[in-house]
PDB file of N, CA and C in Angstrom:
ATOM      1  N   MET A   1      -6.822  21.105 -22.630  1.00  0.00           N
ATOM      2  CA  MET A   1      -6.166  20.517 -21.943  1.00  0.00           C
ATOM      3  C   MET A   1      -6.728  19.162 -21.689  1.00  0.00           C
ATOM      4  N   ARG A   2      -5.828  17.832 -21.929  1.00  0.00           N
ATOM      5  CA  ARG A   2      -6.092  16.435 -21.537  1.00  0.00           C
ATOM      6  C   ARG A   2      -6.729  16.486 -20.137  1.00  0.00           C
ATOM      7  N   TYR A   3      -7.131  15.451 -19.879  1.00  0.00           N
ATOM      8  CA  TYR A   3      -7.888  14.768 -18.559  1.00  0.00           C
ATOM      9  C   TYR A   3      -7.596  13.858 -18.294  1.00  0.00           C
ATOM     10  N   GLY A   4      -6.876  13.650 -16.800  1.00  0.00           N
ATOM     11  CA  GLY A   4      -6.559  11.883 -16.236  1.00  0.00           C
ATOM     12  C   GLY A   4      -7.147  12.084 -14.972  1.00  0.00           C
ATOM     13  N   LEU A   5      -7.085  10.396 -14.636  1.00  0.00           N
ATOM     14  CA  LEU A   5      -7.634   9.984 -13.543  1.00  0.00           C
ATOM     15  C   LEU A   5      -6.586   8.702 -13.013  1.00  0.00           C
ATOM     16  N   ILE A   6      -6.628   9.062 -11.584  1.00  0.00           N
ATOM     17  CA  ILE A   6      -5.603   8.241 -10.828  1.00  0.00           C
ATOM     18  C   ILE A   6      -6.405   7.605  -9.468  1.00  0.00           C
ATOM     19  N   GLY A   7      -6.616   6.035  -9.827  1.00  0.00           N
ATOM     20  CA  GLY A   7      -7.211   6.165  -7.953  1.00  0.00           C
ATOM     21  C   GLY A   7      -6.960   4.492  -8.172  1.00  0.00           C
ATOM     22  N   LYS A   8      -7.386   4.143  -6.851  1.00  0.00           N
ATOM     23  CA  LYS A   8      -7.083   2.450  -6.281  1.00  0.00           C
ATOM     24  C   LYS A   8      -8.350   2.172  -5.928  1.00  0.00           C
ATOM     25  N   PHE A   9      -8.406   0.453  -6.343  1.00  0.00           N
ATOM     26  CA  PHE A   9      -9.613   0.226  -5.916  1.00  0.00           C
ATOM     27  C   PHE A   9      -8.969  -0.918  -5.308  1.00  0.00           C
ATOM     28  N   THR A  10      -9.738  -1.491  -4.106  1.00  0.00           N
ATOM     29  CA  THR A  10      -8.925  -1.895  -3.463  1.00  0.00           C
ATOM     30  C   THR A  10     -10.267  -3.133  -3.376  1.00  0.00           C
ATOM     31  N   ALA A  11      -9.636  -4.555  -4.110  1.00  0.00           N
ATOM     32  CA  ALA A  11     -10.236  -5.874  -4.238  1.00  0.00           C
ATOM     33  C   ALA A  11     -10.862  -6.378  -2.882  1.00  0.00           C
ATOM     34  N   GLN A  12     -12.183  -7.230  -2.911  1.00  0.00           N
ATOM     35  CA  GLN A  12     -12.235  -7.809  -1.783  1.00  0.00           C
ATOM     36  C   GLN A  12     -11.297  -9.120  -1.804  1.00  0.00           C
ATOM     37  N   PRO A  13     -11.295  -9.386  -0.592  1.00  0.00           N
ATOM     38  CA  PRO A  13     -10.093 -10.460   0.269  1.00  0.00           C
ATOM     39  C   PRO A  13      -9.921 -11.361  -0.904  1.00  0.00           C
ATOM     40  N   GLY A  14      -8.917 -11.789  -1.681  1.00  0.00           N
ATOM     41  CA  GLY A  14      -8.636 -12.687  -2.427  1.00  0.00           C
ATOM     42  C   GLY A  14      -9.036 -12.518  -3.886  1.00  0.00           C
ATOM     43  N   LYS A  15      -9.440 -11.181  -4.433  1.00  0.00           N
ATOM     44  CA  LYS A  15     -10.477 -10.744  -5.673  1.00  0.00           C
ATOM     45  C   LYS A  15      -9.504 -10.511  -6.546  1.00  0.00           C
ATOM     46  N   ARG A  16      -8.152  -9.968  -6.322  1.00  0.00           N
ATOM     47  CA  ARG A  16      -7.870  -8.656  -6.567  1.00  0.00           C
ATOM     48  C   ARG A  16      -7.307  -9.450  -8.032  1.00  0.00           C
ATOM     49  N   GLU A  17      -6.635 -10.495  -8.576  1.00  0.00           N
ATOM     50  CA  GLU A  17      -6.712 -10.744  -9.986  1.00  0.00           C
ATOM     51  C   GLU A  17      -7.486 -10.936 -10.380  1.00  0.00           C
ATOM     52  N   GLU A  18      -9.054 -11.308 -10.104  1.00  0.00           N
ATOM     53  CA  GLU A  18      -9.667 -11.411 -10.845  1.00  0.00           C
ATOM     54  C   GLU A  18     -10.274  -9.801 -11.425  1.00  0.00           C
ATOM     55  N   LEU A  19     -10.314  -8.966 -10.299  1.00  0.00           N
ATOM     56  CA  LEU A  19     -10.446  -7.545 -10.720  1.00  0.00           C
ATOM     57  C   LEU A  19      -9.955  -6.988 -12.035  1.00  0.00           C
ATOM     58  N   ALA A  20      -8.276  -7.400 -11.354  1.00  0.00           N
ATOM     59  CA  ALA A  20      -7.612  -6.942 -12.582  1.00  0.00           C
ATOM     60  C   ALA A  20      -7.676  -7.568 -13.875  1.00  0.00           C
ATOM     61  N   ALA A  21      -8.455  -8.651 -14.050  1.00  0.00           N
ATOM     62  CA  ALA A  21      -8.199  -9.148 -15.141  1.00  0.00           C
ATOM     63  C   ALA A  21      -9.578  -8.507 -15.712  1.00  0.00           C
ATOM     64  N   ILE A  22     -10.576  -8.103 -15.415  1.00  0.00           N
ATOM     65  CA  ILE A  22     -11.456  -7.182 -16.092  1.00  0.00           C
ATOM     66  C   ILE A  22     -11.303  -5.981 -16.176  1.00  0.00           C
ATOM     67  N   LEU A  23     -10.319  -5.250 -15.598  1.00  0.00           N
ATOM     68  CA  LEU A  23      -9.814  -3.826 -15.760  1.00  0.00           C
ATOM     69  C   LEU A  23      -8.891  -4.182 -17.075  1.00  0.00           C
ATOM     70  N   LEU A  24      -8.123  -4.892 -16.988  1.00  0.00           N
ATOM     71  CA  LEU A  24      -7.486  -5.426 -18.995  1.00  0.00           C
ATOM     72  C   LEU A  24      -8.721  -5.826 -19.792  1.00  0.00           C
ATOM     73  N   GLN A  25      -9.681  -6.229 -19.588  1.00  0.00           N
ATOM     74  CA  GLN A  25     -10.287  -6.681 -20.453  1.00  0.00           C
ATOM     75  C   GLN A  25     -11.140  -5.069 -20.895  1.00  0.00           C
ATOM     76  N   ALA A  26     -11.168  -4.212 -20.230  1.00  0.00           N
ATOM     77  CA  ALA A  26     -11.784  -3.087 -20.259  1.00  0.00           C
ATOM     78  C   ALA A  26     -10.528  -2.286 -21.106  1.00  0.00           C
ATOM     79  N   ALA A  27      -9.387  -2.279 -20.613  1.00  0.00           N
ATOM     80  CA  ALA A  27      -8.373  -1.578 -21.643  1.00  0.00           C
ATOM     81  C   ALA A  27      -8.363  -2.087 -23.070  1.00  0.00           C
ATOM     82  N   GLU A  28      -8.652  -3.698 -23.028  1.00  0.00           N
ATOM     83  CA  GLU A  28      -8.646  -3.942 -24.693  1.00  0.00           C
ATOM     84  C   GLU A  28      -9.860  -3.235 -25.317  1.00  0.00           C
ATOM     85  N   LEU A  29     -10.996  -3.553 -24.718  1.00  0.00           N
ATOM     86  CA  LEU A  29     -11.935  -2.284 -25.083  1.00  0.00           C
ATOM     87  C   LEU A  29     -11.615  -0.892 -25.988  1.00  0.00           C
ATOM     88  N   LEU A  30     -10.862  -0.690 -24.795  1.00  0.00           N
ATOM     89  CA  LEU A  30     -10.340   0.906 -25.358  1.00  0.00           C
ATOM     90  C   LEU A  30      -9.078   1.189 -26.031  1.00  0.00           C
ATOM     91  N   GLN A  31      -9.153   0.331 -26.574  1.00  0.00           N
ATOM     92  CA  GLN A  31      -8.109   0.358 -28.101  1.00  0.00           C
ATOM     93  C   GLN A  31      -8.331   0.916 -29.081  1.00  0.00           C
ATOM     94  N   ALA A  32     -10.120   0.627 -29.066  1.00  0.00           N
ATOM     95  CA  ALA A  32     -10.537   1.217 -30.053  1.00  0.00           C
ATOM     96  C   ALA A  32     -11.141   2.867 -30.028  1.00  0.00           C
ATOM     97  N   SER A  33     -11.220   3.595 -28.769  1.00  0.00           N
ATOM     98  CA  SER A  33     -11.446   4.488 -28.367  1.00  0.00           C
ATOM     99  C   SER A  33     -10.799   5.693 -28.723  1.00  0.00           C
ATOM    100  N   GLN A  34     -11.003   6.484 -29.547  1.00  0.00           N
ATOM    101  CA  GLN A  34      -9.826   7.418 -29.763  1.00  0.00           C
ATOM    102  C   GLN A  34     -10.378   8.655 -28.858  1.00  0.00           C
ATOM    103  N   GLY A  35     -10.626   8.669 -27.969  1.00  0.00           N
ATOM    104  CA  GLY A  35     -10.768   9.589 -26.736  1.00  0.00           C
ATOM    105  C   GLY A  35      -9.522   8.798 -25.772  1.00  0.00           C
ATOM    106  N   CYS A  36      -9.430   7.609 -25.737  1.00  0.00           N
ATOM    107  CA  CYS A  36      -8.595   7.178 -24.694  1.00  0.00           C
ATOM    108  C   CYS A  36      -6.696   6.925 -24.957  1.00  0.00           C
ATOM    109  N   ILE A  37      -6.395   7.934 -24.486  1.00  0.00           N
ATOM    110  CA  ILE A  37      -4.633   8.298 -24.991  1.00  0.00           C
ATOM    111  C   ILE A  37      -3.760   7.016 -23.831  1.00  0.00           C
ATOM    112  N   HIS A  38      -3.949   6.527 -22.744  1.00  0.00           N
ATOM    113  CA  HIS A  38      -3.575   5.950 -21.798  1.00  0.00           C
ATOM    114  C   HIS A  38      -4.801   5.375 -20.710  1.00  0.00           C
ATOM    115  N   TYR A  39      -4.348   4.032 -20.559  1.00  0.00           N
ATOM    116  CA  TYR A  39      -5.201   3.135 -19.409  1.00  0.00           C
ATOM    117  C   TYR A  39      -4.368   2.156 -19.083  1.00  0.00           C
ATOM    118  N   VAL A  40      -3.630   2.276 -18.070  1.00  0.00           N
ATOM    119  CA  VAL A  40      -2.839   1.664 -17.769  1.00  0.00           C
ATOM    120  C   VAL A  40      -3.337   0.712 -15.921  1.00  0.00           C
ATOM    121  N   ILE A  41      -3.129  -0.790 -16.069  1.00  0.00           N
ATOM    122  CA  ILE A  41      -3.725  -1.147 -14.799  1.00  0.00           C
ATOM    123  C   ILE A  41      -2.362  -1.433 -14.186  1.00  0.00           C
ATOM    124  N   GLY A  42      -2.303  -1.493 -12.832  1.00  0.00           N
ATOM    125  CA  GLY A  42      -1.162  -2.100 -11.738  1.00  0.00           C
ATOM    126  C   GLY A  42      -1.368  -2.329 -10.286  1.00  0.00           C
ATOM    127  N   THR A  43      -0.711  -2.997 -10.252  1.00  0.00           N
ATOM    128  CA  THR A  43      -0.443  -3.472  -8.723  1.00  0.00           C
ATOM    129  C   THR A  43       0.836  -3.299  -8.087  1.00  0.00           C
ATOM    130  N   THR A  44       0.426  -2.997  -6.610  1.00  0.00           N
ATOM    131  CA  THR A  44       1.581  -3.007  -5.708  1.00  0.00           C
ATOM    132  C   THR A  44       1.736  -4.473  -4.885  1.00  0.00           C
ATOM    133  N   ASP A  45       2.948  -3.941  -3.799  1.00  0.00           N
ATOM    134  CA  ASP A  45       2.505  -5.054  -2.798  1.00  0.00           C
ATOM    135  C   ASP A  45       1.515  -5.305  -1.775  1.00  0.00           C
ATOM    136  N   GLU A  46       0.361  -4.426  -1.859  1.00  0.00           N
ATOM    137  CA  GLU A  46      -0.765  -4.170  -0.829  1.00  0.00           C
ATOM    138  C   GLU A  46      -0.933  -5.434  -1.737  1.00  0.00           C
ATOM    139  N   PRO A  47      -2.101  -6.364  -1.124  1.00  0.00           N
ATOM    140  CA  PRO A  47      -2.133  -7.473  -1.223  1.00  0.00           C
ATOM    141  C   PRO A  47      -4.163  -7.643  -2.090  1.00  0.00           C
ATOM    142  N   ASP A  48      -4.484  -6.472  -2.046  1.00  0.00           N
ATOM    143  CA  ASP A  48      -6.007  -6.248  -2.422  1.00  0.00           C
ATOM    144  C   ASP A  48      -6.012  -5.327  -3.457  1.00  0.00           C
ATOM    145  N   ALA A  49      -5.088  -4.405  -3.559  1.00  0.00           N
ATOM    146  CA  ALA A  49      -4.921  -2.722  -4.189  1.00  0.00           C
ATOM    147  C   ALA A  49      -5.094  -3.120  -6.001  1.00  0.00           C
ATOM    148  N   VAL A  50      -5.783  -2.932  -6.801  1.00  0.00           N
ATOM    149  CA  VAL A  50      -5.175  -2.276  -8.274  1.00  0.00           C
ATOM    150  C   VAL A  50      -5.331  -0.777  -8.406  1.00  0.00           C
ATOM    151  N   TRP A  51      -4.276  -0.213  -8.953  1.00  0.00           N
ATOM    152  CA  TRP A  51      -4.117   1.237  -9.447  1.00  0.00           C
ATOM    153  C   TRP A  51      -4.668   1.322 -10.843  1.00  0.00           C
ATOM    154  N   VAL A  52      -5.188   2.164 -11.077  1.00  0.00           N
ATOM    155  CA  VAL A  52      -5.811   2.594 -12.590  1.00  0.00           C
ATOM    156  C   VAL A  52      -5.248   4.048 -12.855  1.00  0.00           C
ATOM    157  N   THR A  53      -4.442   4.364 -14.080  1.00  0.00           N
ATOM    158  CA  THR A  53      -4.178   5.321 -14.560  1.00  0.00           C
ATOM    159  C   THR A  53      -4.546   5.710 -15.625  1.00  0.00           C
ATOM    160  N   GLU A  54      -5.377   7.154 -15.939  1.00  0.00           N
ATOM    161  CA  GLU A  54      -5.694   6.923 -16.993  1.00  0.00           C
ATOM    162  C   GLU A  54      -5.590   8.466 -17.897  1.00  0.00           C
ATOM    163  N   VAL A  55      -5.404   8.463 -19.292  1.00  0.00           N
ATOM    164  CA  VAL A  55      -5.784  10.203 -19.623  1.00  0.00           C
ATOM    165  C   VAL A  55      -6.434  10.075 -20.786  1.00  0.00           C
ATOM    166  N   TRP A  56      -7.112  11.175 -20.410  1.00  0.00           N
ATOM    167  CA  TRP A  56      -7.932  11.172 -22.103  1.00  0.00           C
ATOM    168  C   TRP A  56      -7.934  12.596 -22.629  1.00  0.00           C
ATOM    169  N   THR A  57      -8.774  12.571 -23.751  1.00  0.00           N
ATOM    170  CA  THR A  57      -8.485  13.697 -24.418  1.00  0.00           C
ATOM    171  C   THR A  57      -8.936  14.653 -23.987  1.00  0.00           C
ATOM    172  N   ASP A  58     -10.298  14.518 -23.400  1.00  0.00           N
ATOM    173  CA  ASP A  58     -10.840  15.265 -22.338  1.00  0.00           C
ATOM    174  C   ASP A  58     -11.957  14.256 -21.683  1.00  0.00           C
ATOM    175  N   LYS A  59     -12.961  15.156 -20.572  1.00  0.00           N
ATOM    176  CA  LYS A  59     -13.230  14.504 -19.519  1.00  0.00           C
ATOM    177  C   LYS A  59     -14.893  14.212 -20.333  1.00  0.00           C
ATOM    178  N   ALA A  60     -15.299  14.471 -21.409  1.00  0.00           N
ATOM    179  CA  ALA A  60     -16.179  13.972 -21.804  1.00  0.00           C
ATOM    180  C   ALA A  60     -15.846  12.571 -23.212  1.00  0.00           C
ATOM    181  N   ALA A  61     -14.678  12.755 -22.942  1.00  0.00           N
ATOM    182  CA  ALA A  61     -14.015  11.480 -23.792  1.00  0.00           C
ATOM    183  C   ALA A  61     -14.317  10.354 -22.669  1.00  0.00           C
ATOM    184  N   HIS A  62     -14.064  10.590 -21.486  1.00  0.00           N
ATOM    185  CA  HIS A  62     -13.971   9.528 -20.331  1.00  0.00           C
ATOM    186  C   HIS A  62     -15.570   9.327 -20.275  1.00  0.00           C
ATOM    187  N   ALA A  63     -16.384  10.097 -19.963  1.00  0.00           N
ATOM    188  CA  ALA A  63     -17.744   9.817 -20.049  1.00  0.00           C
ATOM    189  C   ALA A  63     -18.537   9.000 -21.184  1.00  0.00           C
ATOM    190  N   VAL A  64     -17.954   9.614 -21.947  1.00  0.00           N
ATOM    191  CA  VAL A  64     -18.450   8.507 -23.425  1.00  0.00           C
ATOM    192  C   VAL A  64     -18.024   6.939 -23.163  1.00  0.00           C
ATOM    193  N   SER A  65     -16.600   7.081 -23.124  1.00  0.00           N
ATOM    194  CA  SER A  65     -16.059   5.378 -22.915  1.00  0.00           C
ATOM    195  C   SER A  65     -17.116   4.733 -21.948  1.00  0.00           C
ATOM    196  N   LEU A  66     -17.863   5.235 -20.602  1.00  0.00           N
ATOM    197  CA  LEU A  66     -18.348   4.551 -19.858  1.00  0.00           C
ATOM    198  C   LEU A  66     -19.828   4.033 -20.648  1.00  0.00           C
ATOM    199  N   GLU A  67     -20.462   4.617 -21.891  1.00  0.00           N
ATOM    200  CA  GLU A  67     -21.906   4.414 -22.040  1.00  0.00           C
ATOM    201  C   GLU A  67     -21.858   3.143 -22.943  1.00  0.00           C
ATOM    202  N   PRO A  68     -21.140   2.590 -23.678  1.00  0.00           N
ATOM    203  CA  PRO A  68     -21.269   1.167 -24.226  1.00  0.00           C
ATOM    204  C   PRO A  68     -21.636   0.305 -23.686  1.00  0.00           C
ATOM    205  N   GLU A  69     -22.478  -0.767 -24.117  1.00  0.00           N
ATOM    206  CA  GLU A  69     -22.959  -1.803 -23.271  1.00  0.00           C
ATOM    207  C   GLU A  69     -22.234  -3.142 -23.244  1.00  0.00           C
ATOM    208  N   ASN A  70     -21.434  -3.461 -23.754  1.00  0.00           N
ATOM    209  CA  ASN A  70     -19.909  -4.462 -23.252  1.00  0.00           C
ATOM    210  C   ASN A  70     -19.198  -3.617 -22.302  1.00  0.00           C
ATOM    211  N   VAL A  71     -18.826  -2.143 -22.172  1.00  0.00           N
ATOM    212  CA  VAL A  71     -18.342  -1.695 -21.187  1.00  0.00           C
ATOM    213  C   VAL A  71     -19.071  -1.569 -19.997  1.00  0.00           C
ATOM    214  N   ARG A  72     -20.619  -1.563 -20.143  1.00  0.00           N
ATOM    215  CA  ARG A  72     -21.363  -1.839 -18.821  1.00  0.00           C
ATOM    216  C   ARG A  72     -21.529  -2.716 -18.468  1.00  0.00           C
ATOM    217  N   ALA A  73     -21.488  -3.313 -19.295  1.00  0.00           N
ATOM    218  CA  ALA A  73     -21.176  -5.326 -18.587  1.00  0.00           C
ATOM    219  C   ALA A  73     -19.786  -5.853 -17.889  1.00  0.00           C
ATOM    220  N   LEU A  74     -19.347  -5.243 -18.339  1.00  0.00           N
ATOM    221  CA  LEU A  74     -17.663  -5.088 -17.644  1.00  0.00           C
ATOM    222  C   LEU A  74     -17.559  -4.246 -15.993  1.00  0.00           C
ATOM    223  N   VAL A  75     -18.371  -3.534 -16.171  1.00  0.00           N
ATOM    224  CA  VAL A  75     -18.142  -2.408 -14.952  1.00  0.00           C
ATOM    225  C   VAL A  75     -19.663  -3.633 -13.856  1.00  0.00           C
ATOM    226  N   ALA A  76     -20.571  -3.787 -14.434  1.00  0.00           N
ATOM    227  CA  ALA A  76     -21.044  -4.611 -13.679  1.00  0.00           C
ATOM    228  C   ALA A  76     -21.008  -5.964 -13.137  1.00  0.00           C
ATOM    229  N   ARG A  77     -19.778  -6.466 -13.465  1.00  0.00           N
ATOM    230  CA  ARG A  77     -18.977  -7.629 -13.395  1.00  0.00           C
ATOM    231  C   ARG A  77     -17.812  -7.691 -12.171  1.00  0.00           C
ATOM    232  N   ALA A  78     -17.015  -6.281 -12.302  1.00  0.00           N
ATOM    233  CA  ALA A  78     -16.286  -6.087 -11.390  1.00  0.00           C
ATOM    234  C   ALA A  78     -16.697  -5.206 -10.000  1.00  0.00           C
ATOM    235  N   ALA A  79     -17.889  -4.836  -9.967  1.00  0.00           N
ATOM    236  CA  ALA A  79     -18.840  -4.124  -8.987  1.00  0.00           C
ATOM    237  C   ALA A  79     -18.796  -4.897  -7.757  1.00  0.00           C
ATOM    238  N   PRO A  80     -18.881  -6.104  -7.721  1.00  0.00           N
ATOM    239  CA  PRO A  80     -19.157  -7.065  -6.743  1.00  0.00           C
ATOM    240  C   PRO A  80     -17.413  -7.563  -6.004  1.00  0.00           C
ATOM    241  N   LEU A  81     -16.866  -7.388  -7.196  1.00  0.00           N
ATOM    242  CA  LEU A  81     -15.010  -7.536  -6.560  1.00  0.00           C
ATOM    243  C   LEU A  81     -14.492  -6.340  -5.926  1.00  0.00           C
ATOM    244  N   ILE A  82     -15.323  -5.250  -5.986  1.00  0.00           N
ATOM    245  CA  ILE A  82     -14.426  -3.672  -5.384  1.00  0.00           C
ATOM    246  C   ILE A  82     -14.641  -3.974  -3.869  1.00  0.00           C
ATOM    247  N   ALA A  83     -13.914  -3.637  -3.159  1.00  0.00           N
ATOM    248  CA  ALA A  83     -14.713  -3.392  -1.520  1.00  0.00           C
ATOM    249  C   ALA A  83     -14.935  -1.880  -1.487  1.00  0.00           C
ATOM    250  N   SER A  84     -13.815  -1.137  -1.973  1.00  0.00           N
ATOM    251  CA  SER A  84     -13.643   0.241  -2.153  1.00  0.00           C
ATOM    252  C   SER A  84     -13.069   0.981  -3.200  1.00  0.00           C
ATOM    253  N   VAL A  85     -12.869   2.172  -2.972  1.00  0.00           N
ATOM    254  CA  VAL A  85     -12.322   3.078  -4.409  1.00  0.00           C
ATOM    255  C   VAL A  85     -11.545   3.900  -3.417  1.00  0.00           C
ATOM    256  N   SER A  86     -10.353   3.971  -3.619  1.00  0.00           N
ATOM    257  CA  SER A  86     -10.149   5.322  -2.703  1.00  0.00           C
ATOM    258  C   SER A  86      -8.861   6.036  -3.668  1.00  0.00           C
ATOM    259  N   ASP A  87      -8.590   7.246  -3.187  1.00  0.00           N
ATOM    260  CA  ASP A  87      -7.334   7.920  -3.579  1.00  0.00           C
ATOM    261  C   ASP A  87      -7.453   8.257  -5.171  1.00  0.00           C
ATOM    262  N   ARG A  88      -8.481   8.559  -5.137  1.00  0.00           N
ATOM    263  CA  ARG A  88      -9.129   9.067  -6.594  1.00  0.00           C
ATOM    264  C   ARG A  88      -9.040  10.735  -7.181  1.00  0.00           C
ATOM    265  N   THR A  89      -8.125  10.382  -7.838  1.00  0.00           N
ATOM    266  CA  THR A  89      -7.668  12.194  -8.084  1.00  0.00           C
ATOM    267  C   THR A  89      -7.869  12.168  -9.862  1.00  0.00           C
ATOM    268  N   GLU A  90      -8.305  13.368  -9.754  1.00  0.00           N
ATOM    269  CA  GLU A  90      -8.715  13.756 -11.149  1.00  0.00           C
ATOM    270  C   GLU A  90      -7.455  14.855 -12.170  1.00  0.00           C
ATOM    271  N   LEU A  91      -6.953  14.937 -12.905  1.00  0.00           N
ATOM    272  CA  LEU A  91      -5.847  15.621 -13.175  1.00  0.00           C
ATOM    273  C   LEU A  91      -6.225  16.734 -14.410  1.00  0.00           C
ATOM    274  N   GLN A  92      -5.740  17.401 -14.427  1.00  0.00           N
ATOM    275  CA  GLN A  92      -5.409  18.169 -15.955  1.00  0.00           C
ATOM    276  C   GLN A  92      -4.155  18.219 -16.187  1.00  0.00           C
ATOM    277  N   VAL A  93      -3.845  17.295 -17.498  1.00  0.00           N
ATOM    278  CA  VAL A  93      -2.606  16.546 -17.470  1.00  0.00           C
ATOM    279  C   VAL A  93      -1.883  17.632 -18.385  1.00  0.00           C
ATOM    280  N   LEU A  94      -0.918  18.096 -18.451  1.00  0.00           N
ATOM    281  CA  LEU A  94      -0.048  19.112 -19.113  1.00  0.00           C
ATOM    282  C   LEU A  94       0.671  18.461 -19.774  1.00  0.00           C
ATOM    283  N   GLY A  95       1.065  17.391 -19.727  1.00  0.00           N
ATOM    284  CA  GLY A  95       2.156  16.527 -20.989  1.00  0.00           C
ATOM    285  C   GLY A  95       3.031  15.638 -19.954  1.00  0.00           C
ATOM    286  N   GLY A  96       3.788  14.985 -21.041  1.00  0.00           N
ATOM    287  CA  GLY A  96       5.138  14.106 -20.176  1.00  0.00           C
ATOM    288  C   GLY A  96       5.093  13.055 -21.460  1.00  0.00           C
ATOM    289  N   LYS A  97       6.187  12.215 -21.142  1.00  0.00           N
ATOM    290  CA  LYS A  97       6.652  11.369 -22.033  1.00  0.00           C
ATOM    291  C   LYS A  97       5.317  10.144 -22.743  1.00  0.00           C
ATOM    292  N   GLY A  98       5.425  10.300 -23.801  1.00  0.00           N
ATOM    293  CA  GLY A  98       4.349   9.041 -24.457  1.00  0.00           C
ATOM    294  C   GLY A  98       3.025   9.751 -24.677  1.00  0.00           C
ATOM    295  N   LEU A  99       3.022  11.247 -23.829  1.00  0.00           N
ATOM    296  CA  LEU A  99       1.984  11.741 -24.529  1.00  0.00           C
ATOM    297  C   LEU A  99       1.729  13.128 -25.808  1.00  0.00           C
TER     298      LEU A  99
END
């Protein structure tokens, strides 16, 4: 069964675009990851919110994706821009269009 995550990052006031840009860089790095099936960044009308939706081959593939130095460097750049993380939900992905 595939592993999924959905979560909301609330950026520091006025930092949403900067945070979203870093997360989009992460998405580019994940193009080479065979374990990453889906990694989507989005925003809503909420001014500081950035939503991330992920689907992985399994939970281990997600964990491995966080190990490379270039990914850890992006995480370090993003961390000070994040005020909070909420609505984080782990999923057992059953299927759907595009999967």
